[in-house]
Amino acid sequence: MLNSKRLVFVLFSISLLLVFANIFTKEEKSGNVPDEETETSGFVIDSIFTSTLNEFSIKGERIKKRKSPYKNMDSLQYSYTITLPSDLPIVSVLYYLKQNFDDQKIELFCREKKLNADSEIEIKSGNNIKLFAEIIINKNEFREFGNFSIYLTGVEKLETSERNILLKNSDPYSFILSPTQKSADITKEITESNKNFILLLTDAKVDDNFQLKTDFSNQRLLISIKNIVANFRKNPNILIDINSDLYNSISYIYIEKEFRKRGFKILPINSFVRIDQMTDEESISIFKQRIDNFGKTGSEVFILRSESYTNLNKTIFEFKKRGVKYTLPIN
């Protein structure tokens, strides 16, 4: 009986030893075998880093790649010296680096060597330094890729909620208004939102008190001119299509003179790129084509429907990142 109890005890002890041995072996294996998913390769990090710089038109001579000066860091094959122009804050680059690395297992560090000036970027993965870059700010260099401006049409036709979104947006577009009472009623909203507008004269029928028809007498034209001046005096500039019947009529000489007497200047709209009569896909395509063809001094003014502006936002943002300037149009 005693031998039987002793045998059970021995077998139970052996079982426990085997269980502990198995646990220990698993832990040892998990500790020694690296998990590939916890580390991002240097190749992937290098690719994301340079593609992010390219989004800001930082390429070519602005990027110097050399073998790592740190001999004891096997995972760091190369280091960079990046020269940024003075119009590109390093915080903008860091923001998009973090965004582009969002799905990668990395740690990104930035150290300022000088306040608002030269810095160092270090990217780690799996406790290894994978990329090192010295950032130098050239205060005498600016990105020159031209500029563009945008006028939005039809804002007076939008629902109040949609119009408020555009009025609160800080982008420097201006609104083109037609001479109607509805347009006159929102001029205060526009100016109080620190936005600008400009009036467009066309052959289209508008409210009678603002109508300028080619067969009107000078006396009748003057009534409409005075009404327009009284309701839209916050911006003394007016646009007109030089191909319109109004512009090419005998009456236009009188109309232009009376507006000029009241401090209003009439400007041709025909030099602007009109994409307001196109589908959203077509307008985005033309917008891209025209700006892609910019030189250092390229400049373009686009006219776009108000309801289409949101769909153009991503494209506008890409060009701004590249250094193309988004400026306020002449008002």
C-alpha atoms as a PDB file:
ATOM      1  CA  MET A   1       0.000   0.000   0.000  1.00  0.00           C
ATOM      2  CA  LEU A   2       2.834   2.300   0.878  1.00  0.00           C
ATOM      3  CA  ASN A   3       4.620   1.476  -2.359  1.00  0.00           C
ATOM      4  CA  SER A   4       1.425   2.232  -4.271  1.00  0.00           C
ATOM      5  CA  LYS A   5       1.122   5.672  -2.640  1.00  0.00           C
ATOM      6  CA  ARG A   6       4.777   6.367  -3.298  1.00  0.00           C
ATOM      7  CA  LEU A   7       4.319   5.438  -6.976  1.00  0.00           C
ATOM      8  CA  VAL A   8       1.376   7.826  -7.328  1.00  0.00           C
ATOM      9  CA  PHE A   9       3.390  10.613  -5.710  1.00  0.00           C
ATOM     10  CA  VAL A  10       6.342  10.007  -8.040  1.00  0.00           C
ATOM     11  CA  LEU A  11       4.114   9.980 -11.149  1.00  0.00           C
ATOM     12  CA  PHE A  12       2.377  13.190 -10.023  1.00  0.00           C
ATOM     13  CA  SER A  13       5.753  14.891  -9.428  1.00  0.00           C
ATOM     14  CA  ILE A  14       6.990  13.849 -12.877  1.00  0.00           C
ATOM     15  CA  SER A  15       3.801  15.264 -14.445  1.00  0.00           C
ATOM     16  CA  LEU A  16       4.318  18.600 -12.740  1.00  0.00           C
ATOM     17  CA  LEU A  17       7.931  18.729 -13.895  1.00  0.00           C
ATOM     18  CA  LEU A  18       6.867  18.051 -17.477  1.00  0.00           C
ATOM     19  CA  VAL A  19       4.221  20.795 -17.344  1.00  0.00           C
ATOM     20  CA  PHE A  20       6.713  23.351 -16.022  1.00  0.00           C
ATOM     21  CA  ALA A  21       9.335  22.250 -18.529  1.00  0.00           C
ATOM     22  CA  ASN A  22       6.840  22.722 -21.358  1.00  0.00           C
ATOM     23  CA  ILE A  23       5.901  26.223 -20.152  1.00  0.00           C
ATOM     24  CA  PHE A  24       9.539  27.196 -19.780  1.00  0.00           C
ATOM     25  CA  THR A  25      10.354  25.953 -23.285  1.00  0.00           C
ATOM     26  CA  LYS A  26       7.508  27.993 -24.805  1.00  0.00           C
ATOM     27  CA  GLU A  27       8.568  31.156 -23.014  1.00  0.00           C
ATOM     28  CA  GLU A  28      12.169  30.652 -24.069  1.00  0.00           C
ATOM     29  CA  LYS A  29      11.135  30.213 -27.689  1.00  0.00           C
ATOM     30  CA  SER A  30       8.864  33.249 -27.642  1.00  0.00           C
ATOM     31  CA  GLY A  31      11.671  35.305 -26.138  1.00  0.00           C
ATOM     32  CA  ASN A  32      14.339  34.228 -28.613  1.00  0.00           C
ATOM     33  CA  VAL A  33      12.418  34.220 -31.869  1.00  0.00           C
ATOM     34  CA  PRO A  34      11.781  37.799 -33.066  1.00  0.00           C
ATOM     35  CA  ASP A  35       8.260  38.668 -34.121  1.00  0.00           C
ATOM     36  CA  GLU A  36       8.570  40.102 -37.604  1.00  0.00           C
ATOM     37  CA  GLU A  37       5.264  41.935 -37.240  1.00  0.00           C
ATOM     38  CA  THR A  38       6.596  44.092 -34.395  1.00  0.00           C
ATOM     39  CA  GLU A  39       9.288  45.704 -36.553  1.00  0.00           C
ATOM     40  CA  THR A  40       9.079  47.771 -39.758  1.00  0.00           C
ATOM     41  CA  SER A  41      11.907  47.237 -42.211  1.00  0.00           C
ATOM     42  CA  GLY A  42      14.379  49.998 -43.022  1.00  0.00           C
ATOM     43  CA  PHE A  43      13.379  49.761 -46.690  1.00  0.00           C
ATOM     44  CA  VAL A  44       9.708  50.523 -45.912  1.00  0.00           C
ATOM     45  CA  ILE A  45      10.659  53.374 -43.557  1.00  0.00           C
ATOM     46  CA  ASP A  46      13.029  54.863 -46.131  1.00  0.00           C
ATOM     47  CA  SER A  47      10.342  54.664 -48.839  1.00  0.00           C
ATOM     48  CA  ILE A  48       7.622  56.352 -46.731  1.00  0.00           C
ATOM     49  CA  PHE A  49      10.060  59.037 -45.571  1.00  0.00           C
ATOM     50  CA  THR A  50      11.181  60.059 -49.080  1.00  0.00           C
ATOM     51  CA  SER A  51       7.656  59.876 -50.538  1.00  0.00           C
ATOM     52  CA  THR A  52       6.429  62.216 -47.774  1.00  0.00           C
ATOM     53  CA  LEU A  53       9.180  64.699 -48.631  1.00  0.00           C
ATOM     54  CA  ASN A  54       8.166  64.439 -52.287  1.00  0.00           C
ATOM     55  CA  GLU A  55       4.616  65.529 -51.354  1.00  0.00           C
ATOM     56  CA  PHE A  56       6.175  68.867 -50.357  1.00  0.00           C
ATOM     57  CA  SER A  57       8.322  69.060 -53.523  1.00  0.00           C
ATOM     58  CA  ILE A  58      11.416  68.263 -51.447  1.00  0.00           C
ATOM     59  CA  LYS A  59      13.580  66.200 -53.766  1.00  0.00           C
ATOM     60  CA  GLY A  60      16.744  66.304 -55.876  1.00  0.00           C
ATOM     61  CA  GLU A  61      19.492  68.492 -54.479  1.00  0.00           C
ATOM     62  CA  ARG A  62      17.513  69.189 -51.316  1.00  0.00           C
ATOM     63  CA  ILE A  63      18.023  65.560 -50.222  1.00  0.00           C
ATOM     64  CA  LYS A  64      21.527  64.233 -49.558  1.00  0.00           C
ATOM     65  CA  LYS A  65      21.803  60.543 -48.684  1.00  0.00           C
ATOM     66  CA  ARG A  66      25.020  59.099 -47.289  1.00  0.00           C
ATOM     67  CA  LYS A  67      26.206  55.998 -45.485  1.00  0.00           C
ATOM     68  CA  SER A  68      25.510  56.010 -41.790  1.00  0.00           C
ATOM     69  CA  PRO A  69      28.232  57.699 -39.707  1.00  0.00           C
ATOM     70  CA  TYR A  70      27.215  55.479 -36.773  1.00  0.00           C
ATOM     71  CA  LYS A  71      29.279  52.295 -37.168  1.00  0.00           C
ATOM     72  CA  ASN A  72      27.759  50.563 -34.161  1.00  0.00           C
ATOM     73  CA  MET A  73      24.190  50.704 -35.495  1.00  0.00           C
ATOM     74  CA  ASP A  74      23.806  47.742 -37.817  1.00  0.00           C
ATOM     75  CA  SER A  75      20.177  48.526 -38.612  1.00  0.00           C
ATOM     76  CA  LEU A  76      20.974  52.076 -39.783  1.00  0.00           C
ATOM     77  CA  GLN A  77      22.388  51.859 -43.297  1.00  0.00           C
ATOM     78  CA  TYR A  78      21.997  55.479 -44.391  1.00  0.00           C
ATOM     79  CA  SER A  79      21.432  58.925 -42.969  1.00  0.00           C
ATOM     80  CA  TYR A  80      20.023  62.033 -44.629  1.00  0.00           C
ATOM     81  CA  THR A  81      20.685  65.727 -44.750  1.00  0.00           C
ATOM     82  CA  ILE A  82      17.489  67.505 -45.823  1.00  0.00           C
ATOM     83  CA  THR A  83      17.369  71.189 -46.766  1.00  0.00           C
ATOM     84  CA  LEU A  84      13.957  72.785 -46.300  1.00  0.00           C
ATOM     85  CA  PRO A  85      12.988  76.162 -47.809  1.00  0.00           C
ATOM     86  CA  SER A  86      11.989  78.869 -45.351  1.00  0.00           C
ATOM     87  CA  ASP A  87       8.306  78.779 -46.430  1.00  0.00           C
ATOM     88  CA  LEU A  88       7.909  75.172 -45.262  1.00  0.00           C
ATOM     89  CA  PRO A  89       7.685  74.773 -41.458  1.00  0.00           C
ATOM     90  CA  ILE A  90       9.239  71.548 -40.188  1.00  0.00           C
ATOM     91  CA  VAL A  91       6.116  70.945 -38.069  1.00  0.00           C
ATOM     92  CA  SER A  92       4.137  70.493 -41.305  1.00  0.00           C
ATOM     93  CA  VAL A  93       6.551  67.820 -42.501  1.00  0.00           C
ATOM     94  CA  LEU A  94       6.471  66.083 -39.106  1.00  0.00           C
ATOM     95  CA  TYR A  95       2.669  66.102 -39.071  1.00  0.00           C
ATOM     96  CA  TYR A  96       2.431  64.271 -42.392  1.00  0.00           C
ATOM     97  CA  LEU A  97       5.297  61.936 -41.552  1.00  0.00           C
ATOM     98  CA  LYS A  98       3.318  60.830 -38.501  1.00  0.00           C
ATOM     99  CA  GLN A  99       0.192  60.432 -40.609  1.00  0.00           C
ATOM    100  CA  ASN A 100       1.954  58.392 -43.300  1.00  0.00           C
ATOM    101  CA  PHE A 101       3.594  56.153 -40.690  1.00  0.00           C
ATOM    102  CA  ASP A 102       0.338  55.718 -38.796  1.00  0.00           C
ATOM    103  CA  ASP A 103      -0.090  52.029 -39.699  1.00  0.00           C
ATOM    104  CA  GLN A 104       3.598  51.183 -39.138  1.00  0.00           C
ATOM    105  CA  LYS A 105       5.234  50.033 -35.908  1.00  0.00           C
ATOM    106  CA  ILE A 106       7.665  52.913 -35.504  1.00  0.00           C
ATOM    107  CA  GLU A 107       8.645  55.655 -33.064  1.00  0.00           C
ATOM    108  CA  LEU A 108       9.424  59.088 -34.480  1.00  0.00           C
ATOM    109  CA  PHE A 109      11.575  61.573 -32.566  1.00  0.00           C
ATOM    110  CA  CYS A 110      12.525  65.138 -33.452  1.00  0.00           C
ATOM    111  CA  ARG A 111      15.121  67.256 -31.654  1.00  0.00           C
ATOM    112  CA  GLU A 112      15.513  70.963 -32.285  1.00  0.00           C
ATOM    113  CA  LYS A 113      19.157  71.981 -32.568  1.00  0.00           C
ATOM    114  CA  LYS A 114      18.087  75.619 -32.858  1.00  0.00           C
ATOM    115  CA  LEU A 115      14.742  77.189 -32.006  1.00  0.00           C
ATOM    116  CA  ASN A 116      12.506  77.185 -35.134  1.00  0.00           C
ATOM    117  CA  ALA A 117      15.516  76.184 -37.196  1.00  0.00           C
ATOM    118  CA  ASP A 118      17.740  73.120 -37.695  1.00  0.00           C
ATOM    119  CA  SER A 119      16.520  69.809 -36.272  1.00  0.00           C
ATOM    120  CA  GLU A 120      17.230  66.085 -36.219  1.00  0.00           C
ATOM    121  CA  ILE A 121      14.723  63.339 -36.993  1.00  0.00           C
ATOM    122  CA  GLU A 122      15.157  59.792 -35.751  1.00  0.00           C
ATOM    123  CA  ILE A 123      12.870  56.877 -36.617  1.00  0.00           C
ATOM    124  CA  LYS A 124      13.021  53.676 -34.570  1.00  0.00           C
ATOM    125  CA  SER A 125      11.376  50.286 -34.975  1.00  0.00           C
ATOM    126  CA  GLY A 126      11.856  47.255 -32.767  1.00  0.00           C
ATOM    127  CA  ASN A 127      14.192  49.289 -30.542  1.00  0.00           C
ATOM    128  CA  ASN A 128      16.523  49.818 -33.510  1.00  0.00           C
ATOM    129  CA  ILE A 129      17.273  53.127 -35.204  1.00  0.00           C
ATOM    130  CA  LYS A 130      16.139  52.718 -38.807  1.00  0.00           C
ATOM    131  CA  LEU A 131      16.474  56.264 -40.141  1.00  0.00           C
ATOM    132  CA  PHE A 132      18.318  59.412 -39.126  1.00  0.00           C
ATOM    133  CA  ALA A 133      17.941  62.788 -40.844  1.00  0.00           C
ATOM    134  CA  GLU A 134      19.430  66.188 -40.205  1.00  0.00           C
ATOM    135  CA  ILE A 135      17.038  68.979 -41.199  1.00  0.00           C
ATOM    136  CA  ILE A 136      18.555  72.311 -42.260  1.00  0.00           C
ATOM    137  CA  ILE A 137      16.381  75.397 -42.892  1.00  0.00           C
ATOM    138  CA  ASN A 138      17.610  77.610 -45.731  1.00  0.00           C
ATOM    139  CA  LYS A 139      16.241  81.047 -44.831  1.00  0.00           C
ATOM    140  CA  ASN A 140      17.127  82.415 -48.272  1.00  0.00           C
ATOM    141  CA  GLU A 141      15.178  79.819 -50.242  1.00  0.00           C
ATOM    142  CA  PHE A 142      11.473  79.713 -51.095  1.00  0.00           C
ATOM    143  CA  ARG A 143       9.459  77.244 -53.125  1.00  0.00           C
ATOM    144  CA  GLU A 144       8.295  78.936 -56.320  1.00  0.00           C
ATOM    145  CA  PHE A 145       5.541  77.057 -58.084  1.00  0.00           C
ATOM    146  CA  GLY A 146       3.164  79.859 -59.051  1.00  0.00           C
ATOM    147  CA  ASN A 147      -0.186  80.789 -57.524  1.00  0.00           C
ATOM    148  CA  PHE A 148      -3.892  80.394 -58.091  1.00  0.00           C
ATOM    149  CA  SER A 149      -7.099  82.098 -56.949  1.00  0.00           C
ATOM    150  CA  ILE A 150     -10.703  80.929 -56.901  1.00  0.00           C
ATOM    151  CA  TYR A 151     -14.077  82.620 -57.322  1.00  0.00           C
ATOM    152  CA  LEU A 152     -17.180  80.657 -56.298  1.00  0.00           C
ATOM    153  CA  THR A 153     -20.514  81.150 -58.045  1.00  0.00           C
ATOM    154  CA  GLY A 154     -24.057  80.478 -56.840  1.00  0.00           C
ATOM    155  CA  VAL A 155     -23.487  80.954 -53.115  1.00  0.00           C
ATOM    156  CA  GLU A 156     -26.788  82.837 -52.876  1.00  0.00           C
ATOM    157  CA  LYS A 157     -28.617  79.694 -54.060  1.00  0.00           C
ATOM    158  CA  LEU A 158     -27.248  77.461 -51.292  1.00  0.00           C
ATOM    159  CA  GLU A 159     -29.129  76.447 -48.162  1.00  0.00           C
ATOM    160  CA  THR A 160     -28.141  78.515 -45.130  1.00  0.00           C
ATOM    161  CA  SER A 161     -26.257  75.585 -43.553  1.00  0.00           C
ATOM    162  CA  GLU A 162     -24.242  74.958 -46.729  1.00  0.00           C
ATOM    163  CA  ARG A 163     -23.485  78.661 -47.137  1.00  0.00           C
ATOM    164  CA  ASN A 164     -22.310  78.911 -43.517  1.00  0.00           C
ATOM    165  CA  ILE A 165     -19.766  76.136 -44.094  1.00  0.00           C
ATOM    166  CA  LEU A 166     -18.203  78.154 -46.920  1.00  0.00           C
ATOM    167  CA  LEU A 167     -18.340  81.395 -44.953  1.00  0.00           C
ATOM    168  CA  LYS A 168     -16.511  79.823 -41.995  1.00  0.00           C
ATOM    169  CA  ASN A 169     -13.815  78.248 -44.163  1.00  0.00           C
ATOM    170  CA  SER A 170     -10.513  80.144 -43.926  1.00  0.00           C
ATOM    171  CA  ASP A 171      -9.508  79.475 -47.553  1.00  0.00           C
ATOM    172  CA  PRO A 172      -9.001  82.754 -49.503  1.00  0.00           C
ATOM    173  CA  TYR A 173     -11.692  82.355 -52.166  1.00  0.00           C
ATOM    174  CA  SER A 174     -14.161  85.096 -53.096  1.00  0.00           C
ATOM    175  CA  PHE A 175     -17.770  84.897 -54.248  1.00  0.00           C
ATOM    176  CA  ILE A 176     -19.247  85.982 -57.571  1.00  0.00           C
ATOM    177  CA  LEU A 177     -22.745  87.373 -57.108  1.00  0.00           C
ATOM    178  CA  SER A 178     -25.424  88.124 -59.659  1.00  0.00           C
ATOM    179  CA  PRO A 179     -27.332  91.425 -59.282  1.00  0.00           C
ATOM    180  CA  THR A 180     -30.395  90.092 -57.449  1.00  0.00           C
ATOM    181  CA  GLN A 181     -32.076  90.976 -54.176  1.00  0.00           C
ATOM    182  CA  LYS A 182     -31.158  87.540 -52.832  1.00  0.00           C
ATOM    183  CA  SER A 183     -27.494  88.315 -53.481  1.00  0.00           C
ATOM    184  CA  ALA A 184     -27.804  91.777 -51.958  1.00  0.00           C
ATOM    185  CA  ASP A 185     -29.284  90.238 -48.809  1.00  0.00           C
ATOM    186  CA  ILE A 186     -26.214  88.059 -48.138  1.00  0.00           C
ATOM    187  CA  THR A 187     -23.498  90.677 -48.756  1.00  0.00           C
ATOM    188  CA  LYS A 188     -23.506  91.543 -45.058  1.00  0.00           C
ATOM    189  CA  GLU A 189     -23.041  87.853 -44.132  1.00  0.00           C
ATOM    190  CA  ILE A 190     -20.119  87.616 -46.548  1.00  0.00           C
ATOM    191  CA  THR A 191     -18.283  90.707 -45.346  1.00  0.00           C
ATOM    192  CA  GLU A 192     -18.870  89.918 -41.664  1.00  0.00           C
ATOM    193  CA  SER A 193     -17.252  86.518 -42.310  1.00  0.00           C
ATOM    194  CA  ASN A 194     -14.169  88.308 -43.657  1.00  0.00           C
ATOM    195  CA  LYS A 195     -14.912  87.074 -47.155  1.00  0.00           C
ATOM    196  CA  ASN A 196     -15.103  89.113 -50.355  1.00  0.00           C
ATOM    197  CA  PHE A 197     -17.486  89.208 -53.278  1.00  0.00           C
ATOM    198  CA  ILE A 198     -17.607  90.678 -56.751  1.00  0.00           C
ATOM    199  CA  LEU A 199     -20.627  91.348 -58.982  1.00  0.00           C
ATOM    200  CA  LEU A 200     -21.038  89.764 -62.429  1.00  0.00           C
ATOM    201  CA  LEU A 201     -23.074  91.463 -65.163  1.00  0.00           C
ATOM    202  CA  THR A 202     -24.530  89.106 -67.784  1.00  0.00           C
ATOM    203  CA  ASP A 203     -27.333  88.959 -70.348  1.00  0.00           C
ATOM    204  CA  ALA A 204     -29.350  86.738 -67.998  1.00  0.00           C
ATOM    205  CA  LYS A 205     -32.605  88.044 -66.599  1.00  0.00           C
ATOM    206  CA  VAL A 206     -32.312  89.368 -63.039  1.00  0.00           C
ATOM    207  CA  ASP A 207     -34.546  91.336 -60.676  1.00  0.00           C
ATOM    208  CA  ASP A 208     -36.157  94.308 -62.438  1.00  0.00           C
ATOM    209  CA  ASN A 209     -34.610  96.914 -60.126  1.00  0.00           C
ATOM    210  CA  PHE A 210     -31.107  95.667 -61.104  1.00  0.00           C
ATOM    211  CA  GLN A 211     -31.778  94.808 -64.757  1.00  0.00           C
ATOM    212  CA  LEU A 212     -29.502  96.334 -67.439  1.00  0.00           C
ATOM    213  CA  LYS A 213     -31.075  95.639 -70.807  1.00  0.00           C
ATOM    214  CA  THR A 214     -29.598  96.822 -74.076  1.00  0.00           C
ATOM    215  CA  ASP A 215     -32.917  98.359 -75.180  1.00  0.00           C
ATOM    216  CA  PHE A 216     -33.384 100.416 -71.998  1.00  0.00           C
ATOM    217  CA  SER A 217     -33.185 104.172 -72.167  1.00  0.00           C
ATOM    218  CA  ASN A 218     -30.300 105.857 -70.383  1.00  0.00           C
ATOM    219  CA  GLN A 219     -32.732 107.120 -67.776  1.00  0.00           C
ATOM    220  CA  ARG A 220     -33.976 103.580 -67.065  1.00  0.00           C
ATOM    221  CA  LEU A 221     -30.401 102.214 -67.045  1.00  0.00           C
ATOM    222  CA  LEU A 222     -29.412 104.858 -64.511  1.00  0.00           C
ATOM    223  CA  ILE A 223     -32.134 103.684 -62.101  1.00  0.00           C
ATOM    224  CA  SER A 224     -30.700 100.144 -62.174  1.00  0.00           C
ATOM    225  CA  ILE A 225     -27.114 101.412 -61.888  1.00  0.00           C
ATOM    226  CA  LYS A 226     -27.993 103.428 -58.775  1.00  0.00           C
ATOM    227  CA  ASN A 227     -29.760 100.412 -57.245  1.00  0.00           C
ATOM    228  CA  ILE A 228     -26.704  98.206 -57.883  1.00  0.00           C
ATOM    229  CA  VAL A 229     -24.342 100.767 -56.389  1.00  0.00           C
ATOM    230  CA  ALA A 230     -26.559 101.197 -53.305  1.00  0.00           C
ATOM    231  CA  ASN A 231     -26.828  97.451 -52.646  1.00  0.00           C
ATOM    232  CA  PHE A 232     -23.320  96.262 -53.615  1.00  0.00           C
ATOM    233  CA  ARG A 233     -21.162  99.247 -52.672  1.00  0.00           C
ATOM    234  CA  LYS A 234     -18.961  97.124 -50.346  1.00  0.00           C
ATOM    235  CA  ASN A 235     -16.993  96.027 -53.383  1.00  0.00           C
ATOM    236  CA  PRO A 236     -16.552  98.644 -56.139  1.00  0.00           C
ATOM    237  CA  ASN A 237     -15.487  96.123 -58.803  1.00  0.00           C
ATOM    238  CA  ILE A 238     -17.703  94.405 -61.353  1.00  0.00           C
ATOM    239  CA  LEU A 239     -17.028  91.561 -63.788  1.00  0.00           C
ATOM    240  CA  ILE A 240     -18.443  91.329 -67.310  1.00  0.00           C
ATOM    241  CA  ASP A 241     -18.188  88.874 -70.191  1.00  0.00           C
ATOM    242  CA  ILE A 242     -16.764  90.711 -73.215  1.00  0.00           C
ATOM    243  CA  ASN A 243     -18.675  88.312 -75.478  1.00  0.00           C
ATOM    244  CA  SER A 244     -22.039  89.270 -73.971  1.00  0.00           C
ATOM    245  CA  ASP A 245     -24.641  91.315 -75.781  1.00  0.00           C
ATOM    246  CA  LEU A 246     -24.535  93.858 -72.968  1.00  0.00           C
ATOM    247  CA  TYR A 247     -20.802  94.494 -73.356  1.00  0.00           C
ATOM    248  CA  ASN A 248     -21.071  94.802 -77.142  1.00  0.00           C
ATOM    249  CA  SER A 249     -24.085  97.122 -77.124  1.00  0.00           C
ATOM    250  CA  ILE A 250     -24.140 100.886 -77.571  1.00  0.00           C
ATOM    251  CA  SER A 251     -25.605 101.137 -74.081  1.00  0.00           C
ATOM    252  CA  TYR A 252     -22.434  99.722 -72.492  1.00  0.00           C
ATOM    253  CA  ILE A 253     -20.497 102.962 -73.049  1.00  0.00           C
ATOM    254  CA  TYR A 254     -23.058 104.808 -70.935  1.00  0.00           C
ATOM    255  CA  ILE A 255     -23.225 101.992 -68.321  1.00  0.00           C
ATOM    256  CA  GLU A 256     -19.440 101.875 -67.871  1.00  0.00           C
ATOM    257  CA  LYS A 257     -19.236 105.688 -67.590  1.00  0.00           C
ATOM    258  CA  GLU A 258     -21.958 105.864 -64.915  1.00  0.00           C
ATOM    259  CA  PHE A 259     -20.401 103.088 -62.848  1.00  0.00           C
ATOM    260  CA  ARG A 260     -16.984 104.741 -63.132  1.00  0.00           C
ATOM    261  CA  LYS A 261     -18.442 108.060 -61.922  1.00  0.00           C
ATOM    262  CA  ARG A 262     -19.566 106.246 -58.780  1.00  0.00           C
ATOM    263  CA  GLY A 263     -16.185 104.634 -58.134  1.00  0.00           C
ATOM    264  CA  PHE A 264     -16.976 101.238 -59.679  1.00  0.00           C
ATOM    265  CA  LYS A 265     -14.555  99.577 -62.089  1.00  0.00           C
ATOM    266  CA  ILE A 266     -15.679  96.975 -64.650  1.00  0.00           C
ATOM    267  CA  LEU A 267     -13.245  94.129 -65.362  1.00  0.00           C
ATOM    268  CA  PRO A 268     -13.363  91.403 -68.059  1.00  0.00           C
ATOM    269  CA  ILE A 269     -14.044  87.883 -66.804  1.00  0.00           C
ATOM    270  CA  ASN A 270     -12.677  86.230 -69.940  1.00  0.00           C
ATOM    271  CA  SER A 271      -9.098  85.808 -68.739  1.00  0.00           C
ATOM    272  CA  PHE A 272     -10.311  83.526 -65.941  1.00  0.00           C
ATOM    273  CA  VAL A 273     -10.584  79.736 -66.253  1.00  0.00           C
ATOM    274  CA  ARG A 274     -14.296  78.914 -66.113  1.00  0.00           C
ATOM    275  CA  ILE A 275     -14.878  75.440 -64.718  1.00  0.00           C
ATOM    276  CA  ASP A 276     -18.240  76.330 -63.194  1.00  0.00           C
ATOM    277  CA  GLN A 277     -20.182  74.854 -66.104  1.00  0.00           C
ATOM    278  CA  MET A 278     -18.442  71.446 -65.899  1.00  0.00           C
ATOM    279  CA  THR A 279     -19.067  68.288 -63.903  1.00  0.00           C
ATOM    280  CA  ASP A 280     -17.042  67.899 -60.722  1.00  0.00           C
ATOM    281  CA  GLU A 281     -14.790  65.313 -62.398  1.00  0.00           C
ATOM    282  CA  GLU A 282     -14.138  67.594 -65.371  1.00  0.00           C
ATOM    283  CA  SER A 283     -13.480  70.664 -63.211  1.00  0.00           C
ATOM    284  CA  ILE A 284     -10.978  68.784 -61.015  1.00  0.00           C
ATOM    285  CA  SER A 285      -9.217  67.449 -64.118  1.00  0.00           C
ATOM    286  CA  ILE A 286      -8.886  70.905 -65.721  1.00  0.00           C
ATOM    287  CA  PHE A 287      -7.803  72.428 -62.403  1.00  0.00           C
ATOM    288  CA  LYS A 288      -5.005  69.835 -62.078  1.00  0.00           C
ATOM    289  CA  GLN A 289      -3.881  70.194 -65.693  1.00  0.00           C
ATOM    290  CA  ARG A 290      -3.614  73.971 -65.552  1.00  0.00           C
ATOM    291  CA  ILE A 291      -1.657  74.053 -62.296  1.00  0.00           C
ATOM    292  CA  ASP A 292       0.588  71.131 -63.279  1.00  0.00           C
ATOM    293  CA  ASN A 293       1.681  73.257 -66.243  1.00  0.00           C
ATOM    294  CA  PHE A 294       2.664  76.176 -64.010  1.00  0.00           C
ATOM    295  CA  GLY A 295       6.211  77.435 -64.092  1.00  0.00           C
ATOM    296  CA  LYS A 296       7.754  79.371 -61.242  1.00  0.00           C
ATOM    297  CA  THR A 297       5.641  82.417 -62.088  1.00  0.00           C
ATOM    298  CA  GLY A 298       2.460  80.662 -63.266  1.00  0.00           C
ATOM    299  CA  SER A 299      -0.789  82.266 -62.194  1.00  0.00           C
ATOM    300  CA  GLU A 300      -4.420  81.375 -62.800  1.00  0.00           C
ATOM    301  CA  VAL A 301      -7.842  82.478 -61.604  1.00  0.00           C
ATOM    302  CA  PHE A 302     -10.532  79.771 -61.566  1.00  0.00           C
ATOM    303  CA  ILE A 303     -14.299  80.134 -61.409  1.00  0.00           C
ATOM    304  CA  LEU A 304     -16.027  77.200 -59.732  1.00  0.00           C
ATOM    305  CA  ARG A 305     -19.540  76.404 -58.499  1.00  0.00           C
ATOM    306  CA  SER A 306     -19.905  76.837 -54.738  1.00  0.00           C
ATOM    307  CA  GLU A 307     -21.395  73.358 -54.278  1.00  0.00           C
ATOM    308  CA  SER A 308     -18.367  71.788 -55.998  1.00  0.00           C
ATOM    309  CA  TYR A 309     -15.723  73.339 -53.766  1.00  0.00           C
ATOM    310  CA  THR A 310     -15.677  70.509 -51.205  1.00  0.00           C
ATOM    311  CA  ASN A 311     -14.859  67.987 -53.937  1.00  0.00           C
ATOM    312  CA  LEU A 312     -11.863  70.102 -54.984  1.00  0.00           C
ATOM    313  CA  ASN A 313     -10.491  70.377 -51.442  1.00  0.00           C
ATOM    314  CA  LYS A 314      -8.143  67.375 -51.613  1.00  0.00           C
ATOM    315  CA  THR A 315      -6.606  68.539 -54.900  1.00  0.00           C
ATOM    316  CA  ILE A 316      -6.145  72.088 -53.576  1.00  0.00           C
ATOM    317  CA  PHE A 317      -4.473  70.707 -50.469  1.00  0.00           C
ATOM    318  CA  GLU A 318      -2.019  68.620 -52.521  1.00  0.00           C
ATOM    319  CA  PHE A 319      -0.936  71.673 -54.525  1.00  0.00           C
ATOM    320  CA  LYS A 320      -0.551  73.795 -51.383  1.00  0.00           C
ATOM    321  CA  LYS A 321       1.705  71.125 -49.881  1.00  0.00           C
ATOM    322  CA  ARG A 322       3.858  71.253 -53.002  1.00  0.00           C
ATOM    323  CA  GLY A 323       4.344  74.982 -52.533  1.00  0.00           C
ATOM    324  CA  VAL A 324       1.792  76.377 -55.014  1.00  0.00           C
ATOM    325  CA  LYS A 325       0.344  79.493 -53.376  1.00  0.00           C
ATOM    326  CA  TYR A 326      -3.411  79.862 -52.891  1.00  0.00           C
ATOM    327  CA  THR A 327      -4.043  83.625 -52.985  1.00  0.00           C
ATOM    328  CA  LEU A 328      -6.981  86.003 -52.680  1.00  0.00           C
ATOM    329  CA  PRO A 329      -8.340  87.049 -56.088  1.00  0.00           C
ATOM    330  CA  ILE A 330      -8.554  90.701 -57.084  1.00  0.00           C
ATOM    331  CA  ASN A 331     -11.749  92.210 -55.713  1.00  0.00           C
END
